[in-house]
Protein backbone atom coordinates (compact mmCIF):
# COMPACT_ATOMS: atom_id res chain seq x y z
CA MET A 1 15.76 5.84 31.80
CA LYS A 2 15.70 2.76 29.59
CA ARG A 3 17.09 4.59 26.54
CA THR A 4 18.32 8.04 25.60
CA ILE A 5 17.33 9.04 22.09
CA VAL A 6 18.22 12.22 20.23
CA ILE A 7 15.66 13.33 17.65
CA THR A 8 17.18 15.98 15.39
CA GLY A 9 14.88 18.59 13.87
CA GLY A 10 12.32 17.79 16.53
CA ALA A 11 10.81 21.29 16.48
CA GLY A 12 9.97 20.98 12.79
CA PHE A 13 6.88 19.58 11.10
CA ILE A 14 7.57 15.84 10.98
CA GLY A 15 10.04 15.95 13.87
CA SER A 16 7.53 17.42 16.31
CA HIS A 17 5.09 14.59 15.61
CA VAL A 18 7.86 12.02 16.16
CA VAL A 19 8.97 13.70 19.41
CA ARG A 20 5.38 13.82 20.70
CA LEU A 21 4.79 10.17 19.85
CA PHE A 22 7.99 8.97 21.56
CA VAL A 23 7.58 11.16 24.66
CA ASN A 24 4.00 10.02 25.20
CA LYS A 25 4.43 6.37 24.23
CA TYR A 26 7.73 5.68 25.98
CA PRO A 27 7.82 7.41 29.40
CA GLU A 28 10.83 5.25 30.27
CA TYR A 29 12.87 6.86 27.46
CA HIS A 30 14.76 10.14 27.73
CA ILE A 31 13.89 12.01 24.53
CA ILE A 32 16.21 14.86 23.55
CA ASN A 33 14.89 17.23 20.90
CA LEU A 34 17.96 18.71 19.18
CA ASP A 35 17.05 21.62 16.91
CA LYS A 36 18.80 24.74 15.65
CA LEU A 37 15.45 26.58 15.49
CA THR A 38 15.78 27.91 11.98
CA TYR A 39 12.72 29.52 10.39
CA ALA A 40 10.99 26.11 10.15
CA GLY A 41 11.63 25.11 13.78
CA ASN A 42 8.93 26.14 16.22
CA LEU A 43 8.77 25.00 19.84
CA ALA A 44 5.10 26.02 19.94
CA ASN A 45 4.61 22.75 18.02
CA LEU A 46 5.40 20.92 21.27
CA LYS A 47 3.79 23.02 23.98
CA ASP A 48 1.61 20.08 25.04
CA ILE A 49 4.65 17.99 26.06
CA GLU A 50 7.30 20.58 26.96
CA ASP A 51 6.91 19.90 30.72
CA LYS A 52 7.02 16.12 30.49
CA PRO A 53 9.78 14.66 32.73
CA ASN A 54 11.23 12.50 29.93
CA TYR A 55 11.53 15.38 27.43
CA GLU A 56 14.47 17.75 26.98
CA PHE A 57 15.11 20.41 24.36
CA VAL A 58 18.66 21.31 23.28
CA LYS A 59 19.24 24.19 20.89
CA MET A 60 22.15 23.13 18.68
CA ASP A 61 23.31 23.08 15.07
CA ILE A 62 23.92 19.52 13.85
CA CYS A 63 27.01 20.86 12.05
CA ASP A 64 28.58 21.55 15.47
CA PHE A 65 30.53 18.30 15.71
CA ASP A 66 32.14 19.09 19.08
CA GLY A 67 28.79 20.07 20.57
CA VAL A 68 27.03 16.96 19.26
CA LEU A 69 29.82 14.67 20.49
CA LYS A 70 29.79 16.24 23.97
CA LEU A 71 26.00 15.93 24.14
CA MET A 72 26.20 12.24 23.23
CA GLN A 73 28.87 11.65 25.87
CA ASP A 74 27.15 13.64 28.61
CA LYS A 75 23.70 12.18 28.00
CA LYS A 76 24.87 8.65 27.12
CA VAL A 77 22.90 8.66 23.88
CA ASP A 78 22.22 5.23 22.39
CA GLY A 79 19.87 6.19 19.56
CA ILE A 80 19.62 8.94 16.95
CA ILE A 81 16.58 9.63 14.78
CA HIS A 82 17.81 12.16 12.25
CA LEU A 83 15.17 14.41 10.67
CA ALA A 84 16.92 17.80 10.72
CA ALA A 85 17.19 19.07 7.15
CA GLU A 86 16.56 21.95 4.82
CA SER A 87 13.66 20.62 2.76
CA HIS A 88 12.00 23.26 0.58
CA VAL A 89 12.92 22.72 -3.09
CA ASP A 90 12.40 26.37 -4.09
CA ARG A 91 14.84 27.50 -1.39
CA SER A 92 17.39 24.92 -2.56
CA ILE A 93 17.27 26.36 -6.07
CA LYS A 94 18.02 29.83 -4.72
CA ASP A 95 20.59 28.77 -2.10
CA PRO A 96 22.10 25.30 -2.70
CA PHE A 97 25.07 25.99 -0.39
CA THR A 98 22.86 26.03 2.71
CA PHE A 99 21.31 22.71 1.70
CA ALA A 100 24.70 21.10 1.17
CA GLN A 101 25.94 22.44 4.51
CA THR A 102 22.98 21.29 6.60
CA ASN A 103 21.90 18.14 4.81
CA VAL A 104 25.30 16.73 3.89
CA MET A 105 27.82 18.14 6.36
CA GLY A 106 25.31 18.11 9.21
CA THR A 107 24.58 14.44 8.63
CA LEU A 108 28.31 13.72 8.43
CA SER A 109 28.83 15.53 11.74
CA LEU A 110 26.20 13.35 13.43
CA LEU A 111 27.60 10.16 11.92
CA GLN A 112 31.15 10.96 13.02
CA ALA A 113 30.01 11.90 16.54
CA ALA A 114 27.99 8.70 16.87
CA LYS A 115 30.92 6.63 15.64
CA ALA A 116 33.41 8.33 17.98
CA TYR A 117 31.22 8.00 21.07
CA TRP A 118 29.85 4.51 20.51
CA GLU A 119 33.26 3.09 19.59
CA SER A 120 34.61 4.41 22.91
CA LEU A 121 32.17 2.26 24.89
CA PRO A 122 32.95 -1.29 26.08
CA GLU A 123 29.88 -2.63 24.25
CA LYS A 124 30.59 -0.42 21.21
CA TYR A 125 27.64 -0.62 18.77
CA GLU A 126 25.55 -3.14 20.68
CA GLY A 127 22.05 -1.78 21.27
CA LYS A 128 22.77 1.40 19.28
CA ARG A 129 20.91 2.73 16.27
CA PHE A 130 21.34 5.62 13.80
CA TYR A 131 18.10 6.15 11.88
CA HIS A 132 18.25 8.58 8.94
CA ILE A 133 15.04 9.95 7.42
CA SER A 134 15.24 10.79 3.72
CA THR A 135 12.87 11.55 0.86
CA ASP A 136 11.39 9.89 -2.22
CA GLU A 137 12.82 12.74 -4.31
CA VAL A 138 16.25 11.06 -4.38
CA TYR A 139 14.84 8.54 -6.88
CA GLY A 140 14.13 11.20 -9.50
CA ALA A 141 10.84 11.05 -11.35
CA LEU A 142 8.40 8.47 -12.71
CA GLN A 143 6.50 8.72 -15.97
CA MET A 144 2.74 8.84 -16.11
CA THR A 145 1.86 5.61 -17.90
CA HIS A 146 -1.34 3.59 -18.04
CA PRO A 147 -2.78 0.47 -19.66
CA GLU A 148 -3.86 0.91 -23.26
CA GLY A 149 -7.25 2.53 -23.50
CA VAL A 150 -7.40 3.47 -19.82
CA GLU A 151 -7.04 7.07 -18.70
CA PRO A 152 -5.33 7.79 -15.38
CA PRO A 153 -5.96 7.73 -12.55
CA PHE A 154 -6.73 4.04 -12.76
CA THR A 155 -7.00 1.28 -10.20
CA THR A 156 -3.85 -0.76 -9.95
CA LYS A 157 -2.44 -3.33 -7.59
CA ALA A 158 0.96 -2.85 -5.97
CA SER A 159 3.22 -5.77 -5.13
CA SER A 160 1.59 -5.77 -1.68
CA GLY A 161 -1.66 -6.81 -3.35
CA LYS A 162 -3.28 -3.56 -2.25
CA HIS A 163 -5.49 -1.77 -4.79
CA HIS A 164 -5.26 1.99 -5.12
CA LEU A 165 -5.59 4.81 -7.65
CA ALA A 166 -2.39 5.55 -9.55
CA TYR A 167 -1.09 7.59 -12.46
CA GLY A 168 1.45 5.03 -13.60
CA GLU A 169 2.40 1.38 -13.45
CA LYS A 170 5.85 1.85 -11.93
CA PHE A 171 6.72 2.85 -8.37
CA PHE A 172 9.79 3.80 -6.35
CA THR A 173 11.21 0.66 -4.74
CA GLU A 174 14.16 0.36 -2.40
CA ASP A 175 16.45 -1.10 -5.08
CA LEU A 176 16.12 1.78 -7.57
CA LYS A 177 19.22 3.79 -8.38
CA TYR A 178 19.29 7.42 -7.29
CA GLN A 179 18.56 10.15 -9.86
CA PRO A 180 18.09 13.42 -7.93
CA HIS A 181 17.06 16.43 -10.03
CA SER A 182 17.06 19.36 -7.58
CA PRO A 183 19.73 20.72 -5.22
CA TYR A 184 17.51 19.59 -2.34
CA SER A 185 17.19 15.99 -3.52
CA ALA A 186 20.90 15.92 -4.46
CA SER A 187 21.82 16.96 -0.92
CA LYS A 188 19.57 14.29 0.57
CA ALA A 189 20.95 11.65 -1.80
CA SER A 190 24.47 12.54 -0.71
CA SER A 191 23.54 12.28 2.96
CA ASP A 192 21.95 8.87 2.34
CA HIS A 193 25.20 7.67 0.75
CA PHE A 194 27.22 8.85 3.74
CA VAL A 195 24.91 6.99 6.13
CA ARG A 196 25.27 3.74 4.20
CA ALA A 197 29.02 4.25 3.83
CA PHE A 198 29.41 4.56 7.61
CA HIS A 199 27.72 1.20 8.01
CA ASP A 200 29.76 -0.47 5.29
CA THR A 201 33.09 1.04 6.40
CA PHE A 202 32.79 1.20 10.19
CA GLY A 203 29.87 -1.06 11.03
CA LEU A 204 27.73 1.82 12.33
CA PRO A 205 24.20 0.43 12.92
CA THR A 206 22.23 2.51 10.42
CA ILE A 207 18.79 2.46 8.83
CA VAL A 208 17.53 4.72 6.01
CA THR A 209 13.92 5.45 5.10
CA ASN A 210 12.58 7.36 2.10
CA CYS A 211 9.13 8.87 2.50
CA SER A 212 6.55 10.45 0.23
CA ASN A 213 5.00 13.91 0.69
CA ASN A 214 3.67 14.50 4.21
CA TYR A 215 0.72 16.66 5.17
CA GLY A 216 -1.02 17.44 8.46
CA PRO A 217 -0.89 19.79 11.49
CA TYR A 218 2.13 22.00 12.27
CA GLN A 219 3.52 22.09 8.71
CA PHE A 220 5.32 25.33 7.89
CA PRO A 221 3.09 27.34 5.54
CA GLU A 222 5.56 27.54 2.67
CA LYS A 223 4.42 24.04 1.70
CA LEU A 224 1.47 23.54 -0.63
CA ILE A 225 -1.39 22.47 1.64
CA PRO A 226 -0.95 24.86 4.62
CA LEU A 227 0.01 27.71 2.26
CA PHE A 228 -3.17 27.27 0.27
CA ILE A 229 -5.37 26.85 3.35
CA ASN A 230 -4.05 30.17 4.65
CA ASN A 231 -4.37 31.90 1.26
CA ILE A 232 -7.94 30.70 0.81
CA ARG A 233 -8.77 31.92 4.29
CA HIS A 234 -7.50 35.40 3.35
CA ARG A 235 -8.67 35.14 -0.28
CA LYS A 236 -5.15 35.50 -1.67
CA PRO A 237 -4.00 33.98 -5.00
CA LEU A 238 -3.13 30.27 -5.11
CA PRO A 239 0.04 29.98 -7.26
CA VAL A 240 0.09 26.70 -9.18
CA TYR A 241 3.25 25.61 -11.02
CA GLY A 242 2.72 24.91 -14.72
CA LYS A 243 -0.68 23.33 -15.24
CA GLY A 244 -0.75 21.56 -11.88
CA GLU A 245 -0.28 18.20 -13.61
CA ASN A 246 2.55 16.97 -11.34
CA VAL A 247 1.61 13.92 -9.28
CA ARG A 248 2.64 13.24 -5.68
CA ASP A 249 2.01 10.42 -3.22
CA TRP A 250 0.62 11.89 0.03
CA LEU A 251 0.91 10.52 3.57
CA TYR A 252 -0.65 11.87 6.77
CA VAL A 253 2.21 12.92 9.05
CA VAL A 254 0.98 10.95 12.07
CA ASP A 255 1.17 7.78 9.96
CA HIS A 256 4.76 8.67 9.08
CA ALA A 257 5.58 9.09 12.78
CA ARG A 258 4.04 5.66 13.44
CA ALA A 259 6.22 4.18 10.70
CA ILE A 260 9.35 5.77 12.19
CA ASP A 261 8.49 4.28 15.58
CA THR A 262 8.00 0.83 14.04
CA ILE A 263 11.21 0.96 12.01
CA PHE A 264 13.37 2.38 14.80
CA HIS A 265 12.41 -0.45 17.11
CA ASN A 266 11.99 -3.36 14.68
CA GLY A 267 13.74 -2.52 11.42
CA LYS A 268 16.83 -4.43 10.30
CA ILE A 269 20.22 -2.75 10.50
CA ALA A 270 21.60 -1.59 7.11
CA GLU A 271 18.17 -1.85 5.48
CA THR A 272 16.23 0.77 3.53
CA TYR A 273 12.47 1.09 3.87
CA ASN A 274 10.18 3.17 1.67
CA ILE A 275 7.23 4.83 3.43
CA GLY A 276 4.28 5.86 1.28
CA GLY A 277 0.54 6.24 1.30
CA PHE A 278 -0.42 4.50 -1.96
CA ASN A 279 -2.24 7.78 -2.44
CA GLU A 280 -1.44 9.61 -5.69
CA TRP A 281 -2.97 12.96 -6.55
CA LYS A 282 -2.32 15.59 -9.19
CA ASN A 283 -1.43 18.92 -7.61
CA ILE A 284 -4.39 20.65 -9.24
CA ASP A 285 -6.79 18.02 -7.87
CA ILE A 286 -5.34 18.37 -4.37
CA ILE A 287 -5.82 22.12 -4.62
CA LYS A 288 -9.46 21.75 -5.63
CA VAL A 289 -10.13 19.40 -2.70
CA VAL A 290 -8.49 21.90 -0.32
CA ILE A 291 -10.54 24.79 -1.74
CA ASN A 292 -13.80 22.87 -1.41
CA THR A 293 -12.97 21.77 2.13
CA VAL A 294 -11.88 25.21 3.35
CA ASP A 295 -14.91 26.89 1.75
CA ARG A 296 -17.31 24.41 3.34
CA LEU A 297 -15.75 24.67 6.81
CA LEU A 298 -15.73 28.48 6.62
CA GLY A 299 -19.39 28.54 5.67
CA ARG A 300 -18.75 29.70 2.13
CA SER A 301 -20.27 28.17 -0.97
CA GLU A 302 -18.27 25.06 -1.86
CA GLY A 303 -15.88 25.93 -4.69
CA GLU A 304 -16.47 29.64 -4.22
CA ASP A 305 -12.73 30.33 -4.18
CA MET A 306 -11.75 28.35 -7.29
CA ASP A 307 -11.05 31.67 -9.02
CA LEU A 308 -8.07 32.16 -6.67
CA ILE A 309 -6.12 29.55 -8.69
CA THR A 310 -3.30 31.34 -10.53
CA TYR A 311 -1.02 29.42 -12.91
CA VAL A 312 2.65 30.47 -12.72
CA THR A 313 5.85 29.51 -14.53
CA ASP A 314 6.82 25.96 -13.70
CA ARG A 315 9.64 25.26 -11.25
CA ALA A 316 13.03 24.43 -12.80
CA GLY A 317 13.64 20.67 -12.88
CA HIS A 318 10.12 19.94 -11.61
CA ASP A 319 9.70 16.15 -11.38
CA LEU A 320 6.52 14.85 -12.99
CA ARG A 321 5.48 12.02 -10.69
CA TYR A 322 6.51 10.45 -7.38
CA ALA A 323 4.95 7.19 -6.20
CA ILE A 324 6.28 5.09 -3.35
CA ASP A 325 5.91 1.32 -3.06
CA SER A 326 5.94 0.64 0.69
CA THR A 327 5.23 -3.07 0.29
CA LYS A 328 8.48 -4.07 2.00
CA LEU A 329 7.56 -2.11 5.13
CA GLN A 330 4.06 -3.57 5.16
CA ARG A 331 5.26 -7.11 4.55
CA GLU A 332 8.21 -7.19 6.97
CA LEU A 333 7.05 -4.91 9.79
CA GLY A 334 3.27 -4.80 9.44
CA TRP A 335 2.89 -1.02 9.02
CA GLU A 336 0.33 0.56 6.74
CA PRO A 337 -1.36 3.98 6.55
CA SER A 338 -4.34 4.44 8.87
CA LEU A 339 -6.11 7.28 7.03
CA GLN A 340 -7.50 7.74 3.56
CA PHE A 341 -6.62 11.11 2.05
CA GLU A 342 -10.15 12.52 2.22
CA GLU A 343 -10.27 11.84 5.97
CA GLY A 344 -6.75 13.17 6.49
CA ILE A 345 -7.31 16.39 4.56
CA GLU A 346 -10.52 17.06 6.51
CA LYS A 347 -8.63 16.71 9.80
CA THR A 348 -5.78 18.86 8.45
CA VAL A 349 -7.94 21.74 7.24
CA ARG A 350 -9.93 21.71 10.49
CA TRP A 351 -6.71 21.89 12.50
CA TYR A 352 -5.39 24.95 10.63
CA LEU A 353 -8.73 26.74 10.85
CA ASP A 354 -9.01 25.91 14.57
CA ASN A 355 -5.42 27.05 15.21
CA GLN A 356 -5.36 30.36 13.39
CA GLU A 357 -3.24 31.95 16.14
CA TRP A 358 -0.50 29.38 15.48
CA LEU A 359 -0.75 30.01 11.74
CA ASP A 360 -0.68 33.80 12.16
CA ASN A 361 2.35 33.62 14.48
CA VAL A 362 4.23 31.46 11.99
CA THR A 363 3.43 33.59 8.95
CA SER A 364 4.35 36.78 10.84
CA GLY A 365 7.56 35.36 12.35
CA ASP A 366 6.44 36.22 15.90
CA TYR A 367 7.14 32.66 17.08
CA GLN A 368 10.88 33.18 16.41
CA LYS A 369 11.02 36.42 18.38
CA TYR A 370 9.33 34.78 21.38
CA TYR A 371 11.72 31.83 21.61
CA GLU A 372 14.81 33.91 20.86
CA LYS A 373 13.90 36.14 23.80
CA MET A 374 13.22 33.15 26.04
CA TYR A 375 16.60 31.53 25.34
CA ASN A 376 18.56 34.78 25.49
CA ASN A 377 17.20 35.33 29.01
CA ARG A 378 18.32 31.93 30.30
């Protein structure tokens, strides 16, 4: 095998797309999917590649330093793509300790294991890479601003020269200071600092990326889009925080996986790259698009289920607007999103409606029972 790469959290939403891309695109690589299989990890996400000769699954907690170090030594790992994380903001508000343990201490465990193993080799860090995936939420929040006399969304031009609809004139750039507002974003900010500190202190070859909201197939249905698709399907209420005015930048998950591939292979060591879709939507507008799309594909009257929208008390510390400027990534490495949101949401809704067995297994928890039984019988 040309390379041995560990992808942490590879049974999760984004991770499974990255694993699939690497396994299929690089048959000469040995891809190790390292996942603890918490509630959000589901090996059914990877059934189409589970028998590929260059794919291996290892059930392990990233906080298990001894286990991670031994795996790196035994498998001669020369690359880590680190996605494993607790990521749901509501859960972080209820249980910040778990987020600190996984996102901070787990990242530190991986960093220390990589350092210990790679420094023991004759070539040390040559040809090695530790790629840490983070979030745009570490930057805090942006205000909704607009030119005088113009109501948002309005057409604006980012520093890349690309025109797009936006709800403000400022964007998250790589040089912004961190201002996390939730326990989740605070834990990710801390892990980002540890990654950069290991480069600055020890010379560990690290890269950090911060990405906007992802959507697409295999997302755990606690997140907005798959949750609402499933609720519309069953005609259950659609809980909307506040007035639904919060704005997010949305990126199709396959485009994120493509960006990770590009950055892992061609990004500069010690650099940060923002990954975004130049695709801002208010939550309430996203919800209306999802309702119309689900209704149409189910043969209902378009907009028939608008009355399912239920406004609930806003989330504590709810950031108003996120908007990523991914100009640096486009300019230096040539990546840009391949799908417009309308095309991506159509593909996403179709996937969930065509894979109702997957969705039912996830919402019922049956997927966990199946894989627990399988591994207990090994």
